[in-house]
């Protein structure tokens, strides 16, 4: 995909790997829509991009731990734009953000499931009209190699909770959704792929977990950009990548019944089923 003039929305793009990808795409001539919660971080990124001689990104401030906040973000993007060439669902929280205890979103959902998975699920569905208008277009879900099967009797992990399990469940959910949505969008000109960008990148999320970084945001960013603009993945959909390479996810991702159950639950929790 040639990026000049293309409109790209990247959630979680005022810090970490999302920030790097936003800067790279702006430098390539894309019209970048950045998202985050911190207006000061957004301003710093915008100033940096403008000082480098590129088009200023548009900042959308939203809290994706709230389904209402997620809907407000989608509504603002739809209000301001007639097409969307790429949606990168990158926003997320790690296993230890704000401590190891179980936390809930504003809607009463387990927090990592809500932020890392449900918000992207809802945004993708709400933004489909813009993505269809720009076809051929792409959705890229930033997931992880850390994946834990969903216990459908306790999706919100009210028993035997751990942050690492919650994080890994949310990331497998992203991959299951990727496969599901790719099947739904066959023939629509929209590809949907997921990836583990790199292991323990030097990001705020990784450092908050007390983990020593093992890779750089540049390495992870290159893998994301590969799915955003790479010619070799054009027309390919429903795949999971480990960095630059196609890989296999947890076996539950390829279970049609598990994906059906997750889809039905997700539609209900996001209010799309009504």
Protein backbone atom coordinates (compact mmCIF):
# COMPACT_ATOMS: atom_id res chain seq x y z
CA UNK A 1 0.00 0.00 0.00
CA UNK A 2 1.38 3.40 -0.99
CA UNK A 3 0.87 5.59 2.08
CA UNK A 4 0.81 9.18 0.73
CA UNK A 5 -2.70 10.53 1.26
CA UNK A 6 -3.93 7.44 3.10
CA UNK A 7 -5.87 7.95 6.34
CA UNK A 8 -4.67 5.77 9.22
CA UNK A 9 -6.10 5.51 12.74
CA UNK A 10 -3.75 4.12 15.39
CA UNK A 11 -5.09 3.66 18.91
CA UNK A 12 -2.63 3.95 21.76
CA UNK A 13 -0.29 6.04 19.63
CA UNK A 14 0.98 8.73 21.99
CA UNK A 15 3.54 6.36 23.53
CA UNK A 16 5.52 3.21 22.82
CA UNK A 17 5.35 1.32 19.55
CA UNK A 18 2.17 3.11 18.46
CA UNK A 19 3.99 6.43 18.70
CA UNK A 20 6.82 5.10 16.55
CA UNK A 21 4.43 3.76 13.89
CA UNK A 22 2.53 7.08 13.82
CA UNK A 23 5.74 8.99 13.22
CA UNK A 24 6.89 6.65 10.48
CA UNK A 25 3.57 6.76 8.63
CA UNK A 26 3.40 10.55 8.88
CA UNK A 27 6.89 10.69 7.37
CA UNK A 28 5.64 8.53 4.49
CA UNK A 29 2.86 11.01 3.74
CA UNK A 30 -0.09 9.38 5.48
CA UNK A 31 -2.81 11.39 7.19
CA UNK A 32 -2.40 9.98 10.69
CA UNK A 33 -5.11 9.97 13.34
CA UNK A 34 -3.56 9.43 16.76
CA UNK A 35 -5.36 8.38 19.91
CA UNK A 36 -4.51 8.39 23.59
CA UNK A 37 -5.59 9.61 26.98
CA UNK A 38 -2.78 12.12 27.60
CA UNK A 39 -3.10 15.39 25.68
CA UNK A 40 0.43 16.51 26.61
CA UNK A 41 1.95 13.37 25.08
CA UNK A 42 -0.16 13.88 21.97
CA UNK A 43 1.01 17.48 21.62
CA UNK A 44 4.64 16.41 21.94
CA UNK A 45 4.19 13.87 19.13
CA UNK A 46 2.34 16.33 16.90
CA UNK A 47 5.04 18.98 17.43
CA UNK A 48 7.76 16.44 16.62
CA UNK A 49 6.06 15.39 13.38
CA UNK A 50 5.38 18.96 12.27
CA UNK A 51 8.96 20.05 13.07
CA UNK A 52 10.16 17.22 10.83
CA UNK A 53 8.19 18.80 7.98
CA UNK A 54 5.24 16.40 7.85
CA UNK A 55 1.47 16.84 8.02
CA UNK A 56 0.19 17.30 11.56
CA UNK A 57 -1.71 14.30 12.91
CA UNK A 58 -5.19 14.75 14.34
CA UNK A 59 -5.49 13.80 18.01
CA UNK A 60 -8.53 12.01 19.43
CA UNK A 61 -8.64 11.78 23.19
CA UNK A 62 -10.63 8.83 24.53
CA UNK A 63 -10.72 6.34 27.39
CA UNK A 64 -11.07 2.89 25.87
CA UNK A 65 -11.81 1.28 29.23
CA UNK A 66 -15.33 2.61 28.69
CA UNK A 67 -17.66 1.37 25.96
CA UNK A 68 -19.18 4.87 25.88
CA UNK A 69 -15.72 6.39 25.44
CA UNK A 70 -15.00 3.93 22.65
CA UNK A 71 -18.24 4.84 20.89
CA UNK A 72 -17.41 8.55 21.24
CA UNK A 73 -14.05 7.95 19.54
CA UNK A 74 -15.68 6.12 16.65
CA UNK A 75 -18.33 8.83 16.31
CA UNK A 76 -15.66 11.56 16.17
CA UNK A 77 -13.66 9.74 13.48
CA UNK A 78 -16.83 9.13 11.45
CA UNK A 79 -17.81 12.78 11.83
CA UNK A 80 -14.45 14.04 10.58
CA UNK A 81 -13.62 11.55 7.82
CA UNK A 82 -15.34 9.87 4.88
CA UNK A 83 -12.87 7.00 4.55
CA UNK A 84 -10.32 5.08 6.58
CA UNK A 85 -7.59 3.15 4.80
CA UNK A 86 -6.03 1.48 7.83
CA UNK A 87 -7.13 0.87 11.42
CA UNK A 88 -4.37 -0.26 13.79
CA UNK A 89 -5.86 -1.51 17.06
CA UNK A 90 -2.82 -1.02 19.27
CA UNK A 91 -4.11 0.43 22.55
CA UNK A 92 -3.68 -1.84 25.53
CA UNK A 93 -2.59 -2.31 29.10
CA UNK A 94 -0.15 -4.90 30.40
CA UNK A 95 -0.43 -7.52 33.09
CA UNK A 96 0.73 -5.24 35.91
CA UNK A 97 -0.51 -1.76 35.07
CA UNK A 98 -1.72 -0.13 38.32
CA UNK A 99 -0.82 -3.24 40.29
CA UNK A 100 -1.45 -6.98 40.22
CA UNK A 101 -4.97 -6.97 41.67
CA UNK A 102 -8.04 -7.67 39.54
CA UNK A 103 -9.59 -4.46 38.19
CA UNK A 104 -12.83 -3.68 36.41
CA UNK A 105 -13.71 -1.23 33.67
CA UNK A 106 -16.37 1.45 33.99
CA UNK A 107 -18.84 -1.06 32.57
CA UNK A 108 -17.95 -3.70 35.16
CA UNK A 109 -15.87 -5.90 32.83
CA UNK A 110 -12.44 -7.30 33.66
CA UNK A 111 -10.18 -4.39 32.73
CA UNK A 112 -7.72 -6.08 30.38
CA UNK A 113 -10.49 -7.85 28.50
CA UNK A 114 -12.26 -4.49 28.12
CA UNK A 115 -9.30 -2.35 27.03
CA UNK A 116 -7.20 -4.82 25.06
CA UNK A 117 -10.02 -6.65 23.32
CA UNK A 118 -13.56 -5.28 23.61
CA UNK A 119 -12.67 -1.70 22.67
CA UNK A 120 -10.97 -2.85 19.46
CA UNK A 121 -13.84 -5.21 18.68
CA UNK A 122 -16.33 -2.36 19.03
CA UNK A 123 -14.22 0.17 17.12
CA UNK A 124 -13.67 -2.18 14.20
CA UNK A 125 -17.38 -2.80 13.81
CA UNK A 126 -18.32 0.88 14.12
CA UNK A 127 -15.62 1.96 11.64
CA UNK A 128 -16.47 -0.64 8.98
CA UNK A 129 -18.41 1.85 6.79
CA UNK A 130 -15.29 4.06 6.51
CA UNK A 131 -13.05 1.05 5.88
CA UNK A 132 -15.39 -0.24 3.18
CA UNK A 133 -15.42 3.20 1.55
CA UNK A 134 -11.61 3.05 1.30
CA UNK A 135 -11.31 -0.57 0.12
CA UNK A 136 -8.81 -2.10 -0.37
CA UNK A 137 -8.19 -1.30 3.30
CA UNK A 138 -6.62 -3.03 6.29
CA UNK A 139 -7.24 -3.75 9.97
CA UNK A 140 -4.20 -4.67 12.07
CA UNK A 141 -4.72 -6.02 15.60
CA UNK A 142 -1.66 -5.78 17.82
CA UNK A 143 -1.82 -8.95 19.93
CA UNK A 144 0.85 -11.09 21.60
CA UNK A 145 2.51 -14.49 21.76
CA UNK A 146 1.20 -14.54 25.34
CA UNK A 147 -2.17 -16.30 24.90
CA UNK A 148 -4.44 -18.09 27.39
CA UNK A 149 -7.58 -20.05 26.43
CA UNK A 150 -10.90 -18.48 27.43
CA UNK A 151 -12.86 -20.18 30.20
CA UNK A 152 -16.38 -19.40 29.03
CA UNK A 153 -17.73 -20.21 32.50
CA UNK A 154 -15.63 -17.37 33.94
CA UNK A 155 -14.61 -15.01 31.14
CA UNK A 156 -14.15 -12.12 33.60
CA UNK A 157 -11.77 -14.25 35.70
CA UNK A 158 -13.50 -13.73 39.03
CA UNK A 159 -11.74 -16.87 40.33
CA UNK A 160 -8.00 -17.65 40.28
CA UNK A 161 -7.21 -14.23 38.83
CA UNK A 162 -3.77 -13.23 37.66
CA UNK A 163 -2.79 -10.26 35.55
CA UNK A 164 -0.74 -12.40 33.20
CA UNK A 165 -3.70 -14.73 32.58
CA UNK A 166 -6.03 -11.77 32.02
CA UNK A 167 -3.60 -10.16 29.58
CA UNK A 168 -3.03 -13.41 27.69
CA UNK A 169 -6.77 -14.11 27.48
CA UNK A 170 -7.41 -10.65 26.05
CA UNK A 171 -4.71 -11.16 23.42
CA UNK A 172 -6.04 -14.55 22.33
CA UNK A 173 -9.48 -12.94 22.09
CA UNK A 174 -8.02 -10.39 19.65
CA UNK A 175 -6.67 -13.18 17.47
CA UNK A 176 -9.95 -15.13 17.55
CA UNK A 177 -11.75 -11.93 16.52
CA UNK A 178 -9.23 -11.38 13.72
CA UNK A 179 -10.00 -14.79 12.21
CA UNK A 180 -13.73 -14.31 12.68
CA UNK A 181 -13.89 -10.83 11.14
CA UNK A 182 -11.70 -11.87 8.22
CA UNK A 183 -14.26 -14.56 7.37
CA UNK A 184 -17.14 -12.10 7.69
CA UNK A 185 -15.43 -9.58 5.39
CA UNK A 186 -14.51 -11.93 2.56
CA UNK A 187 -15.09 -10.09 -0.71
CA UNK A 188 -15.38 -6.67 0.98
CA UNK A 189 -11.83 -5.60 0.17
CA UNK A 190 -10.83 -5.33 3.85
CA UNK A 191 -8.07 -7.55 5.25
CA UNK A 192 -7.78 -8.28 8.97
CA UNK A 193 -4.57 -9.62 10.50
CA UNK A 194 -3.03 -9.84 13.98
CA UNK A 195 0.54 -9.97 15.20
CA UNK A 196 2.95 -10.23 18.07
CA UNK A 197 5.21 -7.31 17.09
CA UNK A 198 8.25 -8.13 19.26
CA UNK A 199 9.04 -9.61 22.66
CA UNK A 200 9.21 -7.23 25.64
CA UNK A 201 9.78 -4.03 23.71
CA UNK A 202 11.24 -1.07 25.57
CA UNK A 203 7.84 0.46 26.36
CA UNK A 204 6.07 1.94 29.38
CA UNK A 205 3.87 -1.18 29.57
CA UNK A 206 6.83 -3.54 29.75
CA UNK A 207 8.73 -1.43 32.28
CA UNK A 208 5.58 -1.12 34.44
CA UNK A 209 5.59 -4.89 34.70
CA UNK A 210 9.11 -4.85 36.11
CA UNK A 211 10.44 -6.61 32.99
CA UNK A 212 13.80 -5.90 31.41
CA UNK A 213 13.18 -5.02 27.73
CA UNK A 214 14.47 -7.51 25.17
CA UNK A 215 13.67 -5.70 21.92
CA UNK A 216 13.12 -2.19 20.60
CA UNK A 217 10.04 -0.31 19.51
CA UNK A 218 11.73 -0.01 16.11
CA UNK A 219 11.70 -3.80 15.76
CA UNK A 220 8.07 -4.06 16.81
CA UNK A 221 7.14 -1.07 14.70
CA UNK A 222 8.67 -2.63 11.60
CA UNK A 223 6.48 -5.71 12.09
CA UNK A 224 3.35 -3.58 12.44
CA UNK A 225 4.28 -1.54 9.36
CA UNK A 226 4.73 -4.79 7.45
CA UNK A 227 1.02 -5.55 7.95
CA UNK A 228 -0.02 -1.94 7.39
CA UNK A 229 1.68 -1.42 4.04
CA UNK A 230 3.51 -4.55 2.91
CA UNK A 231 2.72 -5.70 -0.63
CA UNK A 232 3.29 -9.35 0.29
CA UNK A 233 0.32 -9.34 2.69
CA UNK A 234 -2.06 -7.52 0.33
CA UNK A 235 -5.22 -9.56 0.00
CA UNK A 236 -4.19 -11.98 2.76
CA UNK A 237 -6.48 -12.06 5.78
CA UNK A 238 -7.27 -13.86 9.02
CA UNK A 239 -3.61 -14.51 9.82
CA UNK A 240 -1.40 -14.28 12.91
CA UNK A 241 2.20 -13.15 12.64
CA UNK A 242 5.12 -13.41 15.03
CA UNK A 243 7.11 -10.36 14.00
CA UNK A 244 7.49 -10.57 10.24
CA UNK A 245 6.65 -14.27 10.00
CA UNK A 246 3.29 -16.00 9.76
CA UNK A 247 2.72 -18.19 12.84
CA UNK A 248 0.16 -20.35 14.63
CA UNK A 249 -1.79 -19.00 17.58
CA UNK A 250 -3.19 -20.95 20.53
CA UNK A 251 -5.35 -23.86 19.27
CA UNK A 252 -8.53 -22.25 20.65
CA UNK A 253 -8.19 -19.56 17.97
CA UNK A 254 -9.00 -22.17 15.33
CA UNK A 255 -12.02 -23.61 17.14
CA UNK A 256 -15.15 -22.33 15.31
CA UNK A 257 -17.41 -23.00 18.31
CA UNK A 258 -15.14 -21.05 20.67
CA UNK A 259 -15.06 -18.15 18.23
CA UNK A 260 -18.86 -18.28 17.91
CA UNK A 261 -19.26 -18.10 21.69
CA UNK A 262 -16.78 -15.23 21.95
CA UNK A 263 -18.51 -13.34 19.13
CA UNK A 264 -21.95 -13.70 20.74
CA UNK A 265 -20.62 -12.55 24.12
CA UNK A 266 -18.72 -9.63 22.59
CA UNK A 267 -21.75 -8.41 20.65
CA UNK A 268 -23.75 -8.48 23.87
CA UNK A 269 -21.14 -6.76 26.04
CA UNK A 270 -20.51 -3.97 23.51
CA UNK A 271 -24.21 -3.40 22.87
CA UNK A 272 -23.91 -4.30 19.18
CA UNK A 273 -26.33 -7.21 19.45
CA UNK A 274 -29.20 -4.80 20.08
